[in-house]
Amino acid sequence: MQPQQNPSPADFRFQTTINPNLTQAVRYWADEFDVPPAKLLEVVREVGRNVYEVRRRLA
């Protein structure tokens, strides 16, 4: 069995959804949108995981 590798920040950049269960993903997108992680999770709960919808809501 292979050990699970943690995704690098570059991997998140090419994704179109935000997985709120991955701490690294939440940190990456919170930094990318310049908001606290709690605010990002709040918006993800409201609009869903789609990066474009989250970006639009935070704009």
PDB file of N, CA and C in Angstrom:
ATOM      1  N   MET A   1       0.834  -1.168   0.000  1.00  0.00           N
ATOM      2  CA  MET A   1       0.000   0.000   0.000  1.00  0.00           C
ATOM      3  C   MET A   1       0.889   1.245   0.000  1.00  0.00           C
ATOM      4  N   GLN A   2       0.534   2.215  -0.820  1.00  0.00           N
ATOM      5  CA  GLN A   2       1.328   3.433  -0.912  1.00  0.00           C
ATOM      6  C   GLN A   2       0.845   4.447   0.118  1.00  0.00           C
ATOM      7  N   PRO A   3       1.775   5.201   0.690  1.00  0.00           N
ATOM      8  CA  PRO A   3       1.352   6.242   1.628  1.00  0.00           C
ATOM      9  C   PRO A   3       0.617   7.348   0.881  1.00  0.00           C
ATOM     10  N   GLN A   4      -0.350   7.923   1.552  1.00  0.00           N
ATOM     11  CA  GLN A   4      -1.106   9.009   0.938  1.00  0.00           C
ATOM     12  C   GLN A   4      -0.249  10.268   0.917  1.00  0.00           C
ATOM     13  N   GLN A   5      -0.191  10.904  -0.238  1.00  0.00           N
ATOM     14  CA  GLN A   5       0.601  12.118  -0.359  1.00  0.00           C
ATOM     15  C   GLN A   5      -0.295  13.322  -0.134  1.00  0.00           C
ATOM     16  N   ASN A   6       0.248  14.308   0.550  1.00  0.00           N
ATOM     17  CA  ASN A   6      -0.482  15.549   0.736  1.00  0.00           C
ATOM     18  C   ASN A   6      -0.370  16.366  -0.539  1.00  0.00           C
ATOM     19  N   PRO A   7      -1.479  16.927  -0.996  1.00  0.00           N
ATOM     20  CA  PRO A   7      -1.410  17.730  -2.210  1.00  0.00           C
ATOM     21  C   PRO A   7      -0.619  19.014  -1.969  1.00  0.00           C
ATOM     22  N   SER A   8       0.097  19.431  -2.971  1.00  0.00           N
ATOM     23  CA  SER A   8       0.843  20.683  -2.858  1.00  0.00           C
ATOM     24  C   SER A   8      -0.099  21.840  -3.176  1.00  0.00           C
ATOM     25  N   PRO A   9       0.250  23.054  -2.752  1.00  0.00           N
ATOM     26  CA  PRO A   9      -0.602  24.202  -3.054  1.00  0.00           C
ATOM     27  C   PRO A   9      -0.857  24.384  -4.543  1.00  0.00           C
ATOM     28  N   ALA A  10       0.094  24.008  -5.366  1.00  0.00           N
ATOM     29  CA  ALA A  10      -0.093  24.139  -6.811  1.00  0.00           C
ATOM     30  C   ALA A  10      -1.234  23.255  -7.298  1.00  0.00           C
ATOM     31  N   ASP A  11      -1.467  22.125  -6.626  1.00  0.00           N
ATOM     32  CA  ASP A  11      -2.557  21.237  -7.018  1.00  0.00           C
ATOM     33  C   ASP A  11      -3.917  21.900  -6.822  1.00  0.00           C
ATOM     34  N   PHE A  12      -4.075  22.703  -5.787  1.00  0.00           N
ATOM     35  CA  PHE A  12      -5.359  23.344  -5.508  1.00  0.00           C
ATOM     36  C   PHE A  12      -5.691  24.405  -6.550  1.00  0.00           C
ATOM     37  N   ARG A  13      -4.678  25.032  -7.109  1.00  0.00           N
ATOM     38  CA  ARG A  13      -4.887  26.107  -8.065  1.00  0.00           C
ATOM     39  C   ARG A  13      -5.665  25.645  -9.290  1.00  0.00           C
ATOM     40  N   PHE A  14      -5.512  24.377  -9.661  1.00  0.00           N
ATOM     41  CA  PHE A  14      -6.144  23.866 -10.872  1.00  0.00           C
ATOM     42  C   PHE A  14      -7.482  23.191 -10.604  1.00  0.00           C
ATOM     43  N   GLN A  15      -7.934  23.194  -9.371  1.00  0.00           N
ATOM     44  CA  GLN A  15      -9.218  22.581  -9.043  1.00  0.00           C
ATOM     45  C   GLN A  15     -10.334  23.601  -9.184  1.00  0.00           C
ATOM     46  N   THR A  16     -11.518  23.118  -9.528  1.00  0.00           N
ATOM     47  CA  THR A  16     -12.664  24.010  -9.693  1.00  0.00           C
ATOM     48  C   THR A  16     -13.612  23.950  -8.508  1.00  0.00           C
ATOM     49  N   THR A  17     -13.286  23.107  -7.528  1.00  0.00           N
ATOM     50  CA  THR A  17     -14.102  23.037  -6.320  1.00  0.00           C
ATOM     51  C   THR A  17     -13.204  23.141  -5.092  1.00  0.00           C
ATOM     52  N   ILE A  18     -13.803  23.571  -4.000  1.00  0.00           N
ATOM     53  CA  ILE A  18     -13.099  23.681  -2.727  1.00  0.00           C
ATOM     54  C   ILE A  18     -13.614  22.574  -1.826  1.00  0.00           C
ATOM     55  N   ASN A  19     -12.716  21.749  -1.334  1.00  0.00           N
ATOM     56  CA  ASN A  19     -13.099  20.691  -0.405  1.00  0.00           C
ATOM     57  C   ASN A  19     -12.948  21.231   1.016  1.00  0.00           C
ATOM     58  N   PRO A  20     -14.064  21.520   1.695  1.00  0.00           N
ATOM     59  CA  PRO A  20     -13.964  22.096   3.034  1.00  0.00           C
ATOM     60  C   PRO A  20     -13.436  21.122   4.081  1.00  0.00           C
ATOM     61  N   ASN A  21     -13.286  19.852   3.713  1.00  0.00           N
ATOM     62  CA  ASN A  21     -12.774  18.856   4.651  1.00  0.00           C
ATOM     63  C   ASN A  21     -11.252  18.767   4.640  1.00  0.00           C
ATOM     64  N   LEU A  22     -10.605  19.402   3.667  1.00  0.00           N
ATOM     65  CA  LEU A  22      -9.142  19.405   3.588  1.00  0.00           C
ATOM     66  C   LEU A  22      -8.609  20.727   4.140  1.00  0.00           C
ATOM     67  N   THR A  23      -7.937  20.650   5.256  1.00  0.00           N
ATOM     68  CA  THR A  23      -7.415  21.853   5.897  1.00  0.00           C
ATOM     69  C   THR A  23      -6.487  22.619   4.969  1.00  0.00           C
ATOM     70  N   GLN A  24      -5.639  21.897   4.234  1.00  0.00           N
ATOM     71  CA  GLN A  24      -4.702  22.567   3.317  1.00  0.00           C
ATOM     72  C   GLN A  24      -5.449  23.313   2.220  1.00  0.00           C
ATOM     73  N   ALA A  25      -6.530  22.740   1.723  1.00  0.00           N
ATOM     74  CA  ALA A  25      -7.312  23.399   0.675  1.00  0.00           C
ATOM     75  C   ALA A  25      -7.961  24.667   1.217  1.00  0.00           C
ATOM     76  N   VAL A  26      -8.506  24.585   2.408  1.00  0.00           N
ATOM     77  CA  VAL A  26      -9.143  25.760   3.014  1.00  0.00           C
ATOM     78  C   VAL A  26      -8.114  26.861   3.230  1.00  0.00           C
ATOM     79  N   ARG A  27      -6.945  26.498   3.737  1.00  0.00           N
ATOM     80  CA  ARG A  27      -5.887  27.501   3.941  1.00  0.00           C
ATOM     81  C   ARG A  27      -5.461  28.131   2.617  1.00  0.00           C
ATOM     82  N   TYR A  28      -5.269  27.287   1.596  1.00  0.00           N
ATOM     83  CA  TYR A  28      -4.830  27.802   0.297  1.00  0.00           C
ATOM     84  C   TYR A  28      -5.845  28.807  -0.251  1.00  0.00           C
ATOM     85  N   TRP A  29      -7.124  28.408  -0.297  1.00  0.00           N
ATOM     86  CA  TRP A  29      -8.138  29.283  -0.884  1.00  0.00           C
ATOM     87  C   TRP A  29      -8.400  30.511  -0.020  1.00  0.00           C
ATOM     88  N   ALA A  30      -8.304  30.389   1.296  1.00  0.00           N
ATOM     89  CA  ALA A  30      -8.462  31.558   2.165  1.00  0.00           C
ATOM     90  C   ALA A  30      -7.352  32.572   1.879  1.00  0.00           C
ATOM     91  N   ASP A  31      -6.130  32.092   1.722  1.00  0.00           N
ATOM     92  CA  ASP A  31      -5.022  32.988   1.360  1.00  0.00           C
ATOM     93  C   ASP A  31      -5.226  33.575  -0.028  1.00  0.00           C
ATOM     94  N   GLU A  32      -5.681  32.758  -0.949  1.00  0.00           N
ATOM     95  CA  GLU A  32      -5.897  33.202  -2.331  1.00  0.00           C
ATOM     96  C   GLU A  32      -6.949  34.315  -2.399  1.00  0.00           C
ATOM     97  N   PHE A  33      -8.020  34.175  -1.615  1.00  0.00           N
ATOM     98  CA  PHE A  33      -9.101  35.168  -1.608  1.00  0.00           C
ATOM     99  C   PHE A  33      -8.885  36.255  -0.561  1.00  0.00           C
ATOM    100  N   ASP A  34      -7.804  36.144   0.229  1.00  0.00           N
ATOM    101  CA  ASP A  34      -7.462  37.117   1.266  1.00  0.00           C
ATOM    102  C   ASP A  34      -8.599  37.291   2.278  1.00  0.00           C
ATOM    103  N   VAL A  35      -9.106  36.160   2.762  1.00  0.00           N
ATOM    104  CA  VAL A  35     -10.145  36.151   3.797  1.00  0.00           C
ATOM    105  C   VAL A  35      -9.744  35.137   4.865  1.00  0.00           C
ATOM    106  N   PRO A  36     -10.293  35.264   6.064  1.00  0.00           N
ATOM    107  CA  PRO A  36     -10.016  34.245   7.083  1.00  0.00           C
ATOM    108  C   PRO A  36     -10.667  32.913   6.701  1.00  0.00           C
ATOM    109  N   PRO A  37     -10.094  31.808   7.123  1.00  0.00           N
ATOM    110  CA  PRO A  37     -10.673  30.498   6.798  1.00  0.00           C
ATOM    111  C   PRO A  37     -12.133  30.352   7.234  1.00  0.00           C
ATOM    112  N   ALA A  38     -12.501  30.943   8.364  1.00  0.00           N
ATOM    113  CA  ALA A  38     -13.888  30.843   8.834  1.00  0.00           C
ATOM    114  C   ALA A  38     -14.849  31.511   7.849  1.00  0.00           C
ATOM    115  N   LYS A  39     -14.447  32.645   7.294  1.00  0.00           N
ATOM    116  CA  LYS A  39     -15.285  33.344   6.307  1.00  0.00           C
ATOM    117  C   LYS A  39     -15.415  32.514   5.040  1.00  0.00           C
ATOM    118  N   LEU A  40     -14.323  31.909   4.611  1.00  0.00           N
ATOM    119  CA  LEU A  40     -14.358  31.060   3.423  1.00  0.00           C
ATOM    120  C   LEU A  40     -15.322  29.897   3.629  1.00  0.00           C
ATOM    121  N   LEU A  41     -15.241  29.238   4.773  1.00  0.00           N
ATOM    122  CA  LEU A  41     -16.135  28.110   5.048  1.00  0.00           C
ATOM    123  C   LEU A  41     -17.592  28.555   5.103  1.00  0.00           C
ATOM    124  N   GLU A  42     -17.838  29.740   5.627  1.00  0.00           N
ATOM    125  CA  GLU A  42     -19.197  30.280   5.672  1.00  0.00           C
ATOM    126  C   GLU A  42     -19.752  30.458   4.258  1.00  0.00           C
ATOM    127  N   VAL A  43     -18.945  31.021   3.380  1.00  0.00           N
ATOM    128  CA  VAL A  43     -19.374  31.238   1.997  1.00  0.00           C
ATOM    129  C   VAL A  43     -19.550  29.904   1.273  1.00  0.00           C
ATOM    130  N   VAL A  44     -18.657  28.953   1.507  1.00  0.00           N
ATOM    131  CA  VAL A  44     -18.779  27.628   0.882  1.00  0.00           C
ATOM    132  C   VAL A  44     -20.089  26.972   1.312  1.00  0.00           C
ATOM    133  N   ARG A  45     -20.470  27.129   2.564  1.00  0.00           N
ATOM    134  CA  ARG A  45     -21.741  26.563   3.035  1.00  0.00           C
ATOM    135  C   ARG A  45     -22.926  27.228   2.347  1.00  0.00           C
ATOM    136  N   GLU A  46     -22.810  28.530   2.048  1.00  0.00           N
ATOM    137  CA  GLU A  46     -23.911  29.270   1.423  1.00  0.00           C
ATOM    138  C   GLU A  46     -24.056  28.956  -0.063  1.00  0.00           C
ATOM    139  N   VAL A  47     -22.948  28.996  -0.800  1.00  0.00           N
ATOM    140  CA  VAL A  47     -23.038  28.904  -2.260  1.00  0.00           C
ATOM    141  C   VAL A  47     -22.577  27.573  -2.831  1.00  0.00           C
ATOM    142  N   GLY A  48     -21.973  26.734  -2.024  1.00  0.00           N
ATOM    143  CA  GLY A  48     -21.458  25.464  -2.526  1.00  0.00           C
ATOM    144  C   GLY A  48     -19.954  25.522  -2.706  1.00  0.00           C
ATOM    145  N   ARG A  49     -19.405  24.452  -3.271  1.00  0.00           N
ATOM    146  CA  ARG A  49     -17.951  24.294  -3.355  1.00  0.00           C
ATOM    147  C   ARG A  49     -17.322  24.878  -4.614  1.00  0.00           C
ATOM    148  N   ASN A  50     -18.115  25.364  -5.541  1.00  0.00           N
ATOM    149  CA  ASN A  50     -17.597  25.871  -6.804  1.00  0.00           C
ATOM    150  C   ASN A  50     -16.737  27.118  -6.567  1.00  0.00           C
ATOM    151  N   VAL A  51     -15.496  27.063  -7.032  1.00  0.00           N
ATOM    152  CA  VAL A  51     -14.549  28.163  -6.816  1.00  0.00           C
ATOM    153  C   VAL A  51     -15.063  29.464  -7.428  1.00  0.00           C
ATOM    154  N   TYR A  52     -15.675  29.387  -8.599  1.00  0.00           N
ATOM    155  CA  TYR A  52     -16.135  30.600  -9.277  1.00  0.00           C
ATOM    156  C   TYR A  52     -17.284  31.262  -8.522  1.00  0.00           C
ATOM    157  N   GLU A  53     -18.190  30.464  -7.963  1.00  0.00           N
ATOM    158  CA  GLU A  53     -19.286  31.018  -7.166  1.00  0.00           C
ATOM    159  C   GLU A  53     -18.755  31.641  -5.875  1.00  0.00           C
ATOM    160  N   VAL A  54     -17.805  30.983  -5.245  1.00  0.00           N
ATOM    161  CA  VAL A  54     -17.206  31.515  -4.019  1.00  0.00           C
ATOM    162  C   VAL A  54     -16.488  32.824  -4.332  1.00  0.00           C
ATOM    163  N   ARG A  55     -15.732  32.839  -5.420  1.00  0.00           N
ATOM    164  CA  ARG A  55     -15.006  34.056  -5.815  1.00  0.00           C
ATOM    165  C   ARG A  55     -15.978  35.205  -6.064  1.00  0.00           C
ATOM    166  N   ARG A  56     -17.078  34.896  -6.738  1.00  0.00           N
ATOM    167  CA  ARG A  56     -18.071  35.928  -7.043  1.00  0.00           C
ATOM    168  C   ARG A  56     -18.700  36.482  -5.763  1.00  0.00           C
ATOM    169  N   ARG A  57     -18.992  35.596  -4.811  1.00  0.00           N
ATOM    170  CA  ARG A  57     -19.604  36.035  -3.549  1.00  0.00           C
ATOM    171  C   ARG A  57     -18.637  36.893  -2.733  1.00  0.00           C
ATOM    172  N   LEU A  58     -17.359  36.557  -2.771  1.00  0.00           N
ATOM    173  CA  LEU A  58     -16.372  37.294  -1.979  1.00  0.00           C
ATOM    174  C   LEU A  58     -15.932  38.599  -2.638  1.00  0.00           C
ATOM    175  N   ALA A  59     -16.250  38.773  -3.908  1.00  0.00           N
ATOM    176  CA  ALA A  59     -15.817  39.977  -4.636  1.00  0.00           C
ATOM    177  C   ALA A  59     -16.593  41.205  -4.195  1.00  0.00           C
TER     178      ALA A  59
END
